[in-house]
Amino acid sequence: MTKKDSILTALRHGSLNRFEAERMGDHCLPTTIAELRSEGHVIDGEWEEVPTRFGKSCRVKRYRLVGVQ
């Protein structure tokens, strides 16, 4: 299974942000999302705030595959 296949499977079962994708071996989720979109997959992105290990927060996008329940 390729990295794109793993990310697409994860999106079919829920949603991902870049930190969750990092644990799956994807070090640049926005690039993978762009590749999947170029292949015709409709993927929505929504900003969210997540805590950092330094006690602050940062904004990242949470991606979801459109049309999947």
C-alpha atoms as a PDB file:
ATOM      1  CA  MET A   1       0.000   0.000   0.000  1.00  0.00           C
ATOM      2  CA  THR A   2       1.390   3.418  -0.946  1.00  0.00           C
ATOM      3  CA  LYS A   3       1.381   6.508   1.242  1.00  0.00           C
ATOM      4  CA  LYS A   4      -1.454   7.988  -0.855  1.00  0.00           C
ATOM      5  CA  ASP A   5      -3.450   4.762  -0.481  1.00  0.00           C
ATOM      6  CA  SER A   6      -2.988   4.874   3.308  1.00  0.00           C
ATOM      7  CA  ILE A   7      -4.126   8.497   3.518  1.00  0.00           C
ATOM      8  CA  LEU A   8      -7.113   7.869   1.233  1.00  0.00           C
ATOM      9  CA  THR A   9      -8.147   4.863   3.337  1.00  0.00           C
ATOM     10  CA  ALA A  10      -7.871   6.947   6.508  1.00  0.00           C
ATOM     11  CA  LEU A  11      -9.991   9.699   4.930  1.00  0.00           C
ATOM     12  CA  ARG A  12     -12.634   7.136   3.948  1.00  0.00           C
ATOM     13  CA  HIS A  13     -12.920   6.223   7.634  1.00  0.00           C
ATOM     14  CA  GLY A  14     -12.782   9.720   9.104  1.00  0.00           C
ATOM     15  CA  SER A  15     -10.622  12.822   8.933  1.00  0.00           C
ATOM     16  CA  LEU A  16      -6.958  13.765   9.348  1.00  0.00           C
ATOM     17  CA  ASN A  17      -4.784  16.707  10.235  1.00  0.00           C
ATOM     18  CA  ARG A  18      -1.042  16.933   9.530  1.00  0.00           C
ATOM     19  CA  PHE A  19      -0.009  15.650  12.957  1.00  0.00           C
ATOM     20  CA  GLU A  20      -2.209  12.561  12.713  1.00  0.00           C
ATOM     21  CA  ALA A  21      -0.869  11.913   9.190  1.00  0.00           C
ATOM     22  CA  GLU A  22       2.703  12.289  10.463  1.00  0.00           C
ATOM     23  CA  ARG A  23       2.158   9.243  12.697  1.00  0.00           C
ATOM     24  CA  MET A  24       1.151   7.355   9.539  1.00  0.00           C
ATOM     25  CA  GLY A  25       4.399   8.281   7.792  1.00  0.00           C
ATOM     26  CA  ASP A  26       3.148  11.256   5.760  1.00  0.00           C
ATOM     27  CA  HIS A  27       5.479  14.161   6.473  1.00  0.00           C
ATOM     28  CA  CYS A  28       3.666  16.655   4.210  1.00  0.00           C
ATOM     29  CA  LEU A  29      -0.074  16.003   4.228  1.00  0.00           C
ATOM     30  CA  PRO A  30      -1.015  19.127   2.212  1.00  0.00           C
ATOM     31  CA  THR A  31       1.045  17.826  -0.716  1.00  0.00           C
ATOM     32  CA  THR A  32      -0.608  14.410  -0.530  1.00  0.00           C
ATOM     33  CA  ILE A  33      -4.032  16.088  -0.386  1.00  0.00           C
ATOM     34  CA  ALA A  34      -3.144  18.151  -3.495  1.00  0.00           C
ATOM     35  CA  GLU A  35      -2.137  14.963  -5.333  1.00  0.00           C
ATOM     36  CA  LEU A  36      -5.372  13.211  -4.350  1.00  0.00           C
ATOM     37  CA  ARG A  37      -7.396  16.241  -5.456  1.00  0.00           C
ATOM     38  CA  SER A  38      -5.588  16.254  -8.825  1.00  0.00           C
ATOM     39  CA  GLU A  39      -6.716  12.638  -9.250  1.00  0.00           C
ATOM     40  CA  GLY A  40     -10.342  13.752  -8.824  1.00  0.00           C
ATOM     41  CA  HIS A  41     -10.978  13.119  -5.127  1.00  0.00           C
ATOM     42  CA  VAL A  42     -13.064  15.844  -3.503  1.00  0.00           C
ATOM     43  CA  ILE A  43     -11.456  16.695  -0.173  1.00  0.00           C
ATOM     44  CA  ASP A  44     -12.600  19.471   2.134  1.00  0.00           C
ATOM     45  CA  GLY A  45     -10.299  21.276   4.547  1.00  0.00           C
ATOM     46  CA  GLU A  46     -11.276  23.156   7.694  1.00  0.00           C
ATOM     47  CA  TRP A  47      -8.987  25.057  10.061  1.00  0.00           C
ATOM     48  CA  GLU A  48      -8.743  23.873  13.652  1.00  0.00           C
ATOM     49  CA  GLU A  49      -6.593  24.740  16.660  1.00  0.00           C
ATOM     50  CA  VAL A  50      -4.546  21.950  18.205  1.00  0.00           C
ATOM     51  CA  PRO A  51      -2.363  22.042  21.315  1.00  0.00           C
ATOM     52  CA  THR A  52       1.407  21.921  20.976  1.00  0.00           C
ATOM     53  CA  ARG A  53       3.808  20.193  23.320  1.00  0.00           C
ATOM     54  CA  PHE A  54       4.883  23.658  24.503  1.00  0.00           C
ATOM     55  CA  GLY A  55       1.506  24.537  26.043  1.00  0.00           C
ATOM     56  CA  LYS A  56       0.404  26.763  23.156  1.00  0.00           C
ATOM     57  CA  SER A  57      -1.816  26.072  20.180  1.00  0.00           C
ATOM     58  CA  CYS A  58      -1.386  26.185  16.430  1.00  0.00           C
ATOM     59  CA  ARG A  59      -3.758  26.188  13.479  1.00  0.00           C
ATOM     60  CA  VAL A  60      -3.820  23.222  11.121  1.00  0.00           C
ATOM     61  CA  LYS A  61      -6.263  21.983   8.534  1.00  0.00           C
ATOM     62  CA  ARG A  62      -8.433  18.936   9.140  1.00  0.00           C
ATOM     63  CA  TYR A  63      -9.184  17.181   5.862  1.00  0.00           C
ATOM     64  CA  ARG A  64     -12.281  15.134   5.040  1.00  0.00           C
ATOM     65  CA  LEU A  65     -13.241  13.192   1.946  1.00  0.00           C
ATOM     66  CA  VAL A  66     -16.506  14.660   0.610  1.00  0.00           C
ATOM     67  CA  GLY A  67     -19.370  12.265   0.009  1.00  0.00           C
ATOM     68  CA  VAL A  68     -18.194   9.628   2.493  1.00  0.00           C
ATOM     69  CA  GLN A  69     -20.380   8.925   5.515  1.00  0.00           C
END
